[in-house]
Structures are given as structure tokens and as C-alpha cells.
């Protein structure tokens, strides 16, 4: 048996790439940039879609009734967990419930903490009526099926602390009864408690210099669902008509409007990301095609010698495709790795910068996005070298050698 080492086409491909390290590195960097933008944009877009879906599933109400001038504030609480405190008369609960088409009404009380041991900044406290609530209660029951006792709280997924530990607000201790999974919405940075605990916290907040509580039964917002056969716009019109279109001090916010505003911003981000990724992919394809064409012209003599030594046209084409594939796969892998290294640890910053709900893709979704981006990155090299490979396959050995000598 002949044990002498021999040079395979794979070895030859790697040797050709190593022979021109600057050019090879430049091509790899170009593909890496394209892959970075493609993967990073896809991952962020996926996370924003997840966050929007989570927001839609968590709202649970058709309408929200808030004090006049606080419609944008309640969006900040739901979308980003921005701490706020505002109040209106609790008598609105019965007034809204009496409007034709309203099926159920449940009050909520918002308290902005001044500081807490769990957090480096103020946090949103949300009180809800467990017997009537249909927004928070169904979600909380996945982690805590019982009724919350006075002084017990459920914390969002972004709030530090373990079940059983105590958190102090306004020199009053609250016990963590449960901790929720992250949803990508403002609920992640919020703390939930029963209405009695929330009223005690609101009184403490007022005594500490915060927004004063106007009355003992004050509430911050009312979540409303409508009866079948009625439309959201119809019930909204009925409320506005009966109570003076805001002159009475309340504003009606359609829950879908909040989701639609997020979706509108998301569409703009998706469009920009897709356009940028497509542009970079096309530029990478064009640049690689030009470079491979120049490289093939420089290597005509080399290919002619290989043909004269018995290499088939298919072998030469395979060599060109292999070199292009190594470049695109290396660049694509590097771009994906760098994007993941930046996006995953800084997802909280991304959510704050986007000012929209953001929820990291599941492991399955992450793998799917990774595979898709790697395939697109890998495809750019072979596609760019296609013309050069076809040109080499059509030439005969003698003509190629003569052209290489010219």
C-alpha cells in the first residue's frame, strides 16, 4: 500500500485561502457583517413579536377607564412598567358597570414606590380586586392559585427576590408569595397585591410625599369587558355620551389601541431591518462575485495545470464552490456568534431602547432563527462564485493554460 501523503481538493481549497490571508479575511469580514445584521435584526424582531403577543394575551380587557390626561401614562405602565400613581373616584366602578353593553368592571390601584430593597429604582405596585379581576388574576393563578393575603405580593419576572423573602416598601414589609415568568411586558417590572395591601401602600406613599389619595375608595383605572352583540366603539360612544366626553374627568382607552400602537412601531422596525439585511446580502453577493471573478482570472494557469493532470471540470467547479463555501460559512458563523453575544446579555437594554414589549425567543425559536441565518449566509458564497465556476467548467485545459500565460 502506498502510504505517501497526497493533496486532496479540500486541502487545495484551504491552501488557496491561506495563500491570500488579507483577501480571505476581507471576504470573511464582509459576510460576517451581513450575517451579524441579518441574525441580530431577526432575533430582535422575533423578540418584539413575542412581546407584542404576550401583551395582547395579558391585557384581557376590552376597555380601560382612566383619569383624563393619563391615557399615555397607563400605556407606559403596561408596556414598560414605568412607575406612576394617579387616582379617580371609586364610584366610577358602579357608574361604568351600569352602562349598556358593559359586562364586567374591575378596579386597579397604581402606586409608585419611592425605593425598595429589591430594586435600584422606583417600581410599580399594582393592586387589584381578586373577586372581580379578569386581567391580572388569571395570569397570577398560574403561579399562585390561592387568594393573596394582606401583605403578600406576587412579583414580576424582572424583580429580584425569591419566594418567601420580604421586600420593604415605605418601611412596611411585604412577603413574596410567588414570582411570575417573564412576559416581555411592563408586568415584568411590577409587583401585584390585593386591594387592601395596595390601599395601605398608597397611604404610605402619600404620607411620604407622593400623590395624595383623594378618597378612601379611590382607584387608578377600571378594566372593562363588553357583552356579546356590542362593539367596542359602540360601548365607548355610550360611555362618552353619558359622561360628557371627558368633561367628567375620565378617558376611555381601547385596549386594542395599545396593541395596535405597538404593532405599528413593530412594522416600521421589521421593514427597516428587512430592507437593511436584504441590501447587505445583495452587496455581499455582488462584491464576492466580483472578487471571485478576478481571482479566477488570476488562477487560470493553475486551473489549466489541474485539468492537464486529470482534474475534471466538475472537480474544478467543486473546488471553487468549496472555497466560496468556507468563506461564507466562516463569516456567517462569526456574525451569528457576535450578534448572539451582544443581544442575549443586553436584552433588557434592547427592550428599554425599543420602548416596546420584548421577550427573548424560546430555545426552539432561537435555533430556527440561527439555522435560517446560517443558511442564508452560507448561500451567498456559492451563489457569488456560480458564474466563475461555470466559466471554468466550459474552458479546456490548453486554452486555460495559454490564457494564464498571457
Protein backbone atom coordinates (compact mmCIF):
# COMPACT_ATOMS: atom_id res chain seq x y z
CA UNK A 1 0.00 0.00 0.00
CA UNK A 2 1.22 3.50 -0.86
CA UNK A 3 1.42 5.48 2.41
CA UNK A 4 2.75 8.63 0.83
CA UNK A 5 0.70 11.74 1.70
CA UNK A 6 -1.35 13.24 -1.08
CA UNK A 7 -3.13 16.56 -1.57
CA UNK A 8 -6.92 16.42 -1.69
CA UNK A 9 -9.14 19.07 -3.24
CA UNK A 10 -10.18 20.11 0.28
CA UNK A 11 -6.54 20.64 1.19
CA UNK A 12 -6.02 22.58 -2.02
CA UNK A 13 -9.01 24.82 -1.25
CA UNK A 14 -7.72 25.66 2.22
CA UNK A 15 -4.20 26.24 0.88
CA UNK A 16 -5.55 28.68 -1.70
CA UNK A 17 -7.42 30.61 1.01
CA UNK A 18 -4.37 30.68 3.30
CA UNK A 19 -2.13 31.87 0.46
CA UNK A 20 -4.04 35.17 0.31
CA UNK A 21 -4.83 35.84 4.01
CA UNK A 22 -5.71 39.53 3.63
CA UNK A 23 -8.17 38.91 0.80
CA UNK A 24 -9.67 35.90 2.57
CA UNK A 25 -10.04 37.83 5.84
CA UNK A 26 -11.70 40.70 3.99
CA UNK A 27 -14.26 38.40 2.40
CA UNK A 28 -14.97 36.68 5.72
CA UNK A 29 -15.47 40.06 7.46
CA UNK A 30 -17.87 41.16 4.71
CA UNK A 31 -20.01 38.03 5.16
CA UNK A 32 -19.77 38.37 8.95
CA UNK A 33 -21.17 41.92 8.84
CA UNK A 34 -24.03 40.78 6.64
CA UNK A 35 -24.70 37.80 8.91
CA UNK A 36 -24.50 39.97 12.05
CA UNK A 37 -27.18 42.35 10.77
CA UNK A 38 -29.34 39.52 9.42
CA UNK A 39 -29.24 37.45 12.61
CA UNK A 40 -29.36 40.40 15.00
CA UNK A 41 -32.29 42.00 13.21
CA UNK A 42 -34.18 38.69 13.03
CA UNK A 43 -33.61 37.94 16.72
CA UNK A 44 -34.74 41.39 17.87
CA UNK A 45 -37.77 41.31 15.58
CA UNK A 46 -38.70 37.84 16.86
CA UNK A 47 -38.42 39.11 20.45
CA UNK A 48 -40.63 42.12 19.72
CA UNK A 49 -43.28 39.90 18.13
CA UNK A 50 -43.17 37.66 21.21
CA UNK A 51 -43.54 40.69 23.47
CA UNK A 52 -46.49 42.03 21.47
CA UNK A 53 -48.23 38.64 21.60
CA UNK A 54 -47.65 38.48 25.36
CA UNK A 55 -49.07 41.98 25.80
CA UNK A 56 -52.19 41.10 23.81
CA UNK A 57 -52.76 37.95 25.86
CA UNK A 58 -52.20 39.74 29.19
CA UNK A 59 -54.46 42.78 28.66
CA UNK A 60 -57.64 40.72 28.93
CA UNK A 61 -59.90 43.78 28.82
CA UNK A 62 -61.76 45.50 26.01
CA UNK A 63 -61.58 48.98 27.54
CA UNK A 64 -59.62 50.81 30.21
CA UNK A 65 -61.13 53.77 32.08
CA UNK A 66 -58.50 56.18 33.46
CA UNK A 67 -58.46 59.77 34.73
CA UNK A 68 -58.33 62.37 31.97
CA UNK A 69 -54.77 63.04 30.83
CA UNK A 70 -53.42 59.66 31.94
CA UNK A 71 -54.13 57.56 28.83
CA UNK A 72 -50.45 57.69 27.79
CA UNK A 73 -49.35 57.01 31.36
CA UNK A 74 -51.27 53.75 31.56
CA UNK A 75 -49.62 52.67 28.29
CA UNK A 76 -46.22 53.26 29.91
CA UNK A 77 -47.23 51.07 32.86
CA UNK A 78 -48.42 48.22 30.66
CA UNK A 79 -45.65 48.40 28.04
CA UNK A 80 -42.59 49.32 30.09
CA UNK A 81 -43.55 49.13 33.75
CA UNK A 82 -42.93 52.86 34.24
CA UNK A 83 -43.88 53.70 37.86
CA UNK A 84 -46.79 56.08 38.23
CA UNK A 85 -49.58 56.94 40.65
CA UNK A 86 -52.87 58.61 39.76
CA UNK A 87 -56.38 58.29 41.17
CA UNK A 88 -60.05 58.83 40.48
CA UNK A 89 -63.20 58.36 42.49
CA UNK A 90 -64.05 54.72 43.17
CA UNK A 91 -67.72 55.50 42.48
CA UNK A 92 -66.89 55.24 38.78
CA UNK A 93 -66.89 51.45 39.16
CA UNK A 94 -70.65 51.31 39.64
CA UNK A 95 -71.32 54.09 37.13
CA UNK A 96 -69.44 52.32 34.32
CA UNK A 97 -70.97 48.95 35.24
CA UNK A 98 -74.43 50.45 34.68
CA UNK A 99 -73.67 51.47 31.07
CA UNK A 100 -75.48 49.39 28.45
CA UNK A 101 -73.20 46.78 26.89
CA UNK A 102 -70.75 46.57 29.80
CA UNK A 103 -70.44 43.02 31.07
CA UNK A 104 -67.86 43.36 33.87
CA UNK A 105 -65.79 46.07 35.55
CA UNK A 106 -62.80 45.59 37.84
CA UNK A 107 -60.75 48.32 39.56
CA UNK A 108 -56.98 48.59 39.82
CA UNK A 109 -54.86 50.82 42.04
CA UNK A 110 -51.41 52.04 40.96
CA UNK A 111 -48.77 53.05 43.50
CA UNK A 112 -45.23 54.15 42.58
CA UNK A 113 -42.72 53.09 45.21
CA UNK A 114 -40.06 55.59 46.20
CA UNK A 115 -37.44 52.89 46.81
CA UNK A 116 -37.24 49.21 47.66
CA UNK A 117 -34.67 46.62 48.72
CA UNK A 118 -35.42 44.60 45.56
CA UNK A 119 -34.65 47.30 43.05
CA UNK A 120 -32.23 50.11 42.23
CA UNK A 121 -35.08 52.42 41.22
CA UNK A 122 -38.79 53.01 41.96
CA UNK A 123 -41.09 50.19 40.94
CA UNK A 124 -44.79 49.95 40.05
CA UNK A 125 -47.14 48.48 42.65
CA UNK A 126 -50.50 47.30 41.29
CA UNK A 127 -53.45 46.48 43.50
CA UNK A 128 -56.37 44.50 42.11
CA UNK A 129 -59.73 43.21 43.35
CA UNK A 130 -59.35 39.44 43.32
CA UNK A 131 -63.07 38.67 43.32
CA UNK A 132 -63.82 40.69 40.19
CA UNK A 133 -60.47 40.88 38.35
CA UNK A 134 -60.19 39.26 34.92
CA UNK A 135 -56.90 40.86 33.78
CA UNK A 136 -54.29 40.07 36.44
CA UNK A 137 -55.93 37.27 38.42
CA UNK A 138 -55.98 34.63 35.62
CA UNK A 139 -52.31 35.28 34.88
CA UNK A 140 -51.23 35.20 38.55
CA UNK A 141 -53.10 31.95 39.21
CA UNK A 142 -50.58 30.09 37.01
CA UNK A 143 -48.01 30.69 39.78
CA UNK A 144 -50.21 31.27 42.84
CA UNK A 145 -53.63 29.58 42.80
CA UNK A 146 -54.80 30.87 46.20
CA UNK A 147 -56.04 34.26 47.34
CA UNK A 148 -53.38 36.79 48.28
CA UNK A 149 -53.43 37.62 51.99
CA UNK A 150 -52.82 41.15 53.22
CA UNK A 151 -49.08 41.85 52.98
CA UNK A 152 -48.46 39.11 50.40
CA UNK A 153 -47.27 40.06 46.92
CA UNK A 154 -46.58 38.48 43.56
CA UNK A 155 -43.52 39.89 41.78
CA UNK A 156 -42.84 40.11 38.06
CA UNK A 157 -40.07 38.13 36.42
CA UNK A 158 -37.65 41.11 36.30
CA UNK A 159 -37.94 41.86 40.03
CA UNK A 160 -35.21 40.35 42.18
CA UNK A 161 -36.14 38.26 45.20
CA UNK A 162 -37.17 34.69 45.98
CA UNK A 163 -40.47 33.26 47.20
CA UNK A 164 -40.73 33.62 50.96
CA UNK A 165 -38.43 36.62 51.18
CA UNK A 166 -39.59 40.01 52.38
CA UNK A 167 -39.44 43.30 50.47
CA UNK A 168 -39.81 46.61 52.26
CA UNK A 169 -41.87 49.48 50.81
CA UNK A 170 -42.31 52.68 52.86
CA UNK A 171 -40.93 50.90 55.96
CA UNK A 172 -43.56 48.17 55.62
CA UNK A 173 -42.60 44.54 54.88
CA UNK A 174 -44.33 42.54 52.14
CA UNK A 175 -43.81 38.80 51.70
CA UNK A 176 -43.17 37.38 48.22
CA UNK A 177 -45.83 34.71 47.75
CA UNK A 178 -44.97 33.90 44.11
CA UNK A 179 -42.82 35.01 41.22
CA UNK A 180 -44.06 35.13 37.64
CA UNK A 181 -42.30 34.05 34.48
CA UNK A 182 -41.10 36.86 32.24
CA UNK A 183 -43.63 38.07 29.68
CA UNK A 184 -41.73 40.85 27.93
CA UNK A 185 -44.31 43.44 29.10
CA UNK A 186 -44.39 46.07 31.82
CA UNK A 187 -45.78 43.42 34.18
CA UNK A 188 -42.24 42.01 34.49
CA UNK A 189 -41.14 45.11 36.44
CA UNK A 190 -44.31 45.33 38.54
CA UNK A 191 -45.49 43.97 41.89
CA UNK A 192 -49.06 42.79 42.47
CA UNK A 193 -51.04 42.77 45.71
CA UNK A 194 -54.63 42.66 46.87
CA UNK A 195 -56.58 45.89 47.10
CA UNK A 196 -56.28 46.20 50.89
CA UNK A 197 -52.47 45.99 50.71
CA UNK A 198 -52.42 48.45 47.80
CA UNK A 199 -54.51 50.98 49.73
CA UNK A 200 -52.12 50.70 52.68
CA UNK A 201 -49.17 51.24 50.30
CA UNK A 202 -50.94 54.22 48.70
CA UNK A 203 -51.48 55.78 52.13
CA UNK A 204 -47.80 55.23 52.98
CA UNK A 205 -46.82 56.72 49.61
CA UNK A 206 -48.97 59.78 50.24
CA UNK A 207 -47.52 60.23 53.72
CA UNK A 208 -44.00 60.02 52.26
CA UNK A 209 -44.72 62.96 49.94
CA UNK A 210 -46.21 61.12 46.97
CA UNK A 211 -49.50 61.72 45.19
CA UNK A 212 -52.20 62.17 47.87
CA UNK A 213 -55.09 59.70 47.90
CA UNK A 214 -58.28 61.74 47.21
CA UNK A 215 -60.67 59.36 49.00
CA UNK A 216 -60.62 56.05 50.83
CA UNK A 217 -62.18 54.16 47.92
CA UNK A 218 -60.16 55.78 45.12
CA UNK A 219 -58.96 53.69 42.19
CA UNK A 220 -56.49 54.29 39.34
CA UNK A 221 -58.14 52.52 36.44
CA UNK A 222 -61.09 50.33 35.56
CA UNK A 223 -60.77 47.30 33.29
CA UNK A 224 -63.95 46.73 31.29
CA UNK A 225 -65.24 43.84 29.18
CA UNK A 226 -68.28 44.20 26.95
CA UNK A 227 -71.26 41.94 26.32
CA UNK A 228 -71.62 39.87 23.17
CA UNK A 229 -73.52 41.72 20.48
CA UNK A 230 -71.92 45.04 21.40
CA UNK A 231 -68.92 46.65 19.77
CA UNK A 232 -66.01 48.36 21.49
CA UNK A 233 -66.67 51.59 19.59
CA UNK A 234 -70.37 51.42 20.47
CA UNK A 235 -69.78 50.99 24.20
CA UNK A 236 -67.05 53.64 24.13
CA UNK A 237 -69.51 56.03 22.49
CA UNK A 238 -72.15 55.18 25.10
CA UNK A 239 -69.76 55.94 27.97
CA UNK A 240 -68.60 59.18 26.38
CA UNK A 241 -72.15 60.24 25.62
CA UNK A 242 -73.42 59.53 29.11
CA UNK A 243 -70.49 61.13 30.93
CA UNK A 244 -69.67 64.12 28.77
CA UNK A 245 -66.78 63.04 26.52
CA UNK A 246 -64.03 63.66 29.09
CA UNK A 247 -65.61 66.67 30.79
CA UNK A 248 -66.41 64.42 33.76
CA UNK A 249 -62.69 63.71 34.28
CA UNK A 250 -62.34 60.24 32.74
CA UNK A 251 -60.99 58.92 29.43
CA UNK A 252 -61.85 55.64 27.69
CA UNK A 253 -58.88 53.75 26.21
CA UNK A 254 -59.46 50.79 23.90
CA UNK A 255 -57.07 48.00 24.86
CA UNK A 256 -56.61 47.13 21.20
CA UNK A 257 -55.36 50.65 20.57
CA UNK A 258 -52.37 49.97 22.81
CA UNK A 259 -51.59 46.73 20.98
CA UNK A 260 -52.07 48.40 17.61
CA UNK A 261 -49.70 51.24 18.53
CA UNK A 262 -47.05 48.67 19.43
CA UNK A 263 -47.73 46.71 16.26
CA UNK A 264 -47.42 49.87 14.18
CA UNK A 265 -43.99 50.62 15.61
CA UNK A 266 -43.02 47.00 15.17
CA UNK A 267 -43.93 47.05 11.47
CA UNK A 268 -41.60 50.01 10.96
CA UNK A 269 -38.75 48.16 12.68
CA UNK A 270 -39.40 44.98 10.68
CA UNK A 271 -39.46 46.90 7.40
CA UNK A 272 -36.20 48.71 8.17
CA UNK A 273 -34.45 45.54 9.37
CA UNK A 274 -35.58 43.54 6.34
CA UNK A 275 -34.50 46.28 3.92
CA UNK A 276 -31.10 46.67 5.57
CA UNK A 277 -30.50 42.89 5.67
CA UNK A 278 -31.54 42.50 2.02
CA UNK A 279 -29.29 45.39 0.96
CA UNK A 280 -26.28 43.99 2.80
CA UNK A 281 -26.95 40.50 1.44
CA UNK A 282 -27.07 41.87 -2.12
CA UNK A 283 -23.91 43.95 -1.59
CA UNK A 284 -22.08 40.93 -0.17
CA UNK A 285 -23.23 38.84 -3.12
CA UNK A 286 -22.10 41.48 -5.63
CA UNK A 287 -18.71 42.09 -4.00
CA UNK A 288 -17.99 38.38 -3.64
CA UNK A 289 -18.98 37.78 -7.27
CA UNK A 290 -16.56 40.46 -8.48
CA UNK A 291 -13.75 39.21 -6.24
CA UNK A 292 -14.21 35.58 -7.28
CA UNK A 293 -14.27 36.60 -10.93
CA UNK A 294 -10.94 38.44 -10.50
CA UNK A 295 -9.47 35.53 -8.55
CA UNK A 296 -10.48 33.03 -11.23
CA UNK A 297 -8.81 35.13 -13.92
CA UNK A 298 -5.63 35.21 -11.82
CA UNK A 299 -5.65 31.43 -11.41
CA UNK A 300 -6.29 30.35 -14.99
CA UNK A 301 -2.87 28.77 -15.30
CA UNK A 302 -3.39 26.88 -12.04
CA UNK A 303 -6.72 25.51 -13.25
CA UNK A 304 -5.20 24.60 -16.62
CA UNK A 305 -2.45 22.60 -14.94
CA UNK A 306 -5.01 20.80 -12.78
CA UNK A 307 -7.03 19.96 -15.92
CA UNK A 308 -3.93 18.60 -17.65
CA UNK A 309 -3.22 16.44 -14.60
CA UNK A 310 -6.63 14.82 -14.90
CA UNK A 311 -8.94 17.03 -12.86
CA UNK A 312 -12.42 17.07 -14.36
CA UNK A 313 -14.45 20.20 -14.95
CA UNK A 314 -16.75 19.15 -12.11
CA UNK A 315 -13.77 18.86 -9.77
CA UNK A 316 -12.62 22.38 -10.60
CA UNK A 317 -16.12 23.72 -10.11
CA UNK A 318 -16.34 21.89 -6.81
CA UNK A 319 -13.04 23.49 -5.78
CA UNK A 320 -14.37 26.98 -6.48
CA UNK A 321 -17.62 26.26 -4.64
CA UNK A 322 -15.72 24.79 -1.69
CA UNK A 323 -13.55 27.88 -1.29
CA UNK A 324 -16.60 30.13 -1.51
CA UNK A 325 -18.48 27.92 0.96
CA UNK A 326 -15.65 28.03 3.51
CA UNK A 327 -15.55 31.83 3.31
CA UNK A 328 -19.30 32.28 3.67
CA UNK A 329 -19.72 29.64 6.39
CA UNK A 330 -16.86 31.06 8.46
CA UNK A 331 -18.12 34.63 8.07
CA UNK A 332 -21.72 33.60 8.71
CA UNK A 333 -20.82 31.69 11.86
CA UNK A 334 -18.73 34.58 13.18
CA UNK A 335 -21.52 37.09 12.53
CA UNK A 336 -24.16 34.95 14.25
CA UNK A 337 -21.90 34.33 17.24
CA UNK A 338 -21.09 38.01 17.72
CA UNK A 339 -24.76 39.04 17.37
CA UNK A 340 -25.84 36.44 19.95
CA UNK A 341 -23.01 37.55 22.26
CA UNK A 342 -24.34 41.12 22.21
CA UNK A 343 -28.12 40.65 22.03
CA UNK A 344 -28.70 37.91 24.62
CA UNK A 345 -26.94 39.56 27.60
CA UNK A 346 -28.32 43.03 26.77
CA UNK A 347 -31.96 42.10 26.13
CA UNK A 348 -33.14 44.42 28.95
CA UNK A 349 -31.34 47.37 27.36
CA UNK A 350 -32.84 46.47 23.97
CA UNK A 351 -36.33 46.49 25.47
CA UNK A 352 -35.73 49.93 27.03
CA UNK A 353 -34.27 51.30 23.78
CA UNK A 354 -37.15 49.94 21.69
CA UNK A 355 -39.72 51.24 24.21
CA UNK A 356 -41.85 48.21 23.35
CA UNK A 357 -42.54 44.82 24.92
CA UNK A 358 -39.65 42.43 24.25
CA UNK A 359 -39.46 38.74 25.06
CA UNK A 360 -36.47 36.59 24.17
CA UNK A 361 -37.26 33.80 21.68
CA UNK A 362 -37.67 30.28 23.06
CA UNK A 363 -34.77 27.81 22.58
CA UNK A 364 -36.61 26.30 19.61
CA UNK A 365 -37.19 29.72 18.04
CA UNK A 366 -33.57 30.70 18.67
CA UNK A 367 -32.32 27.55 16.92
CA UNK A 368 -34.69 28.12 13.98
CA UNK A 369 -33.51 31.72 13.50
CA UNK A 370 -29.87 30.63 13.80
CA UNK A 371 -30.23 27.88 11.18
CA UNK A 372 -32.10 30.16 8.77
CA UNK A 373 -29.48 32.92 9.03
CA UNK A 374 -26.60 30.46 8.67
CA UNK A 375 -28.19 29.01 5.54
CA UNK A 376 -28.66 32.47 4.01
CA UNK A 377 -25.10 33.41 4.93
CA UNK A 378 -23.74 30.18 3.54
CA UNK A 379 -25.65 30.60 0.28
CA UNK A 380 -24.07 33.96 -0.55
CA UNK A 381 -20.62 32.48 -1.29
CA UNK A 382 -21.58 29.65 -3.67
CA UNK A 383 -24.08 31.92 -5.44
CA UNK A 384 -21.43 34.59 -5.90
CA UNK A 385 -18.98 32.06 -7.35
CA UNK A 386 -21.54 30.46 -9.66
CA UNK A 387 -20.57 32.48 -12.76
CA UNK A 388 -16.86 31.86 -12.22
CA UNK A 389 -17.40 28.14 -11.69
CA UNK A 390 -19.44 27.85 -14.89
CA UNK A 391 -16.76 29.76 -16.81
CA UNK A 392 -14.03 27.42 -15.58
CA UNK A 393 -16.12 24.36 -16.42
CA UNK A 394 -16.52 25.43 -20.05
CA UNK A 395 -12.83 26.03 -20.78
CA UNK A 396 -10.46 23.28 -21.98
CA UNK A 397 -7.05 22.72 -20.39
CA UNK A 398 -4.91 24.06 -23.25
CA UNK A 399 -6.93 27.27 -23.63
CA UNK A 400 -6.86 27.93 -19.92
CA UNK A 401 -3.06 27.45 -19.70
CA UNK A 402 -2.49 29.74 -22.68
CA UNK A 403 -4.74 32.43 -21.15
CA UNK A 404 -2.89 32.11 -17.87
CA UNK A 405 0.47 32.64 -19.64
CA UNK A 406 -0.77 35.72 -21.49
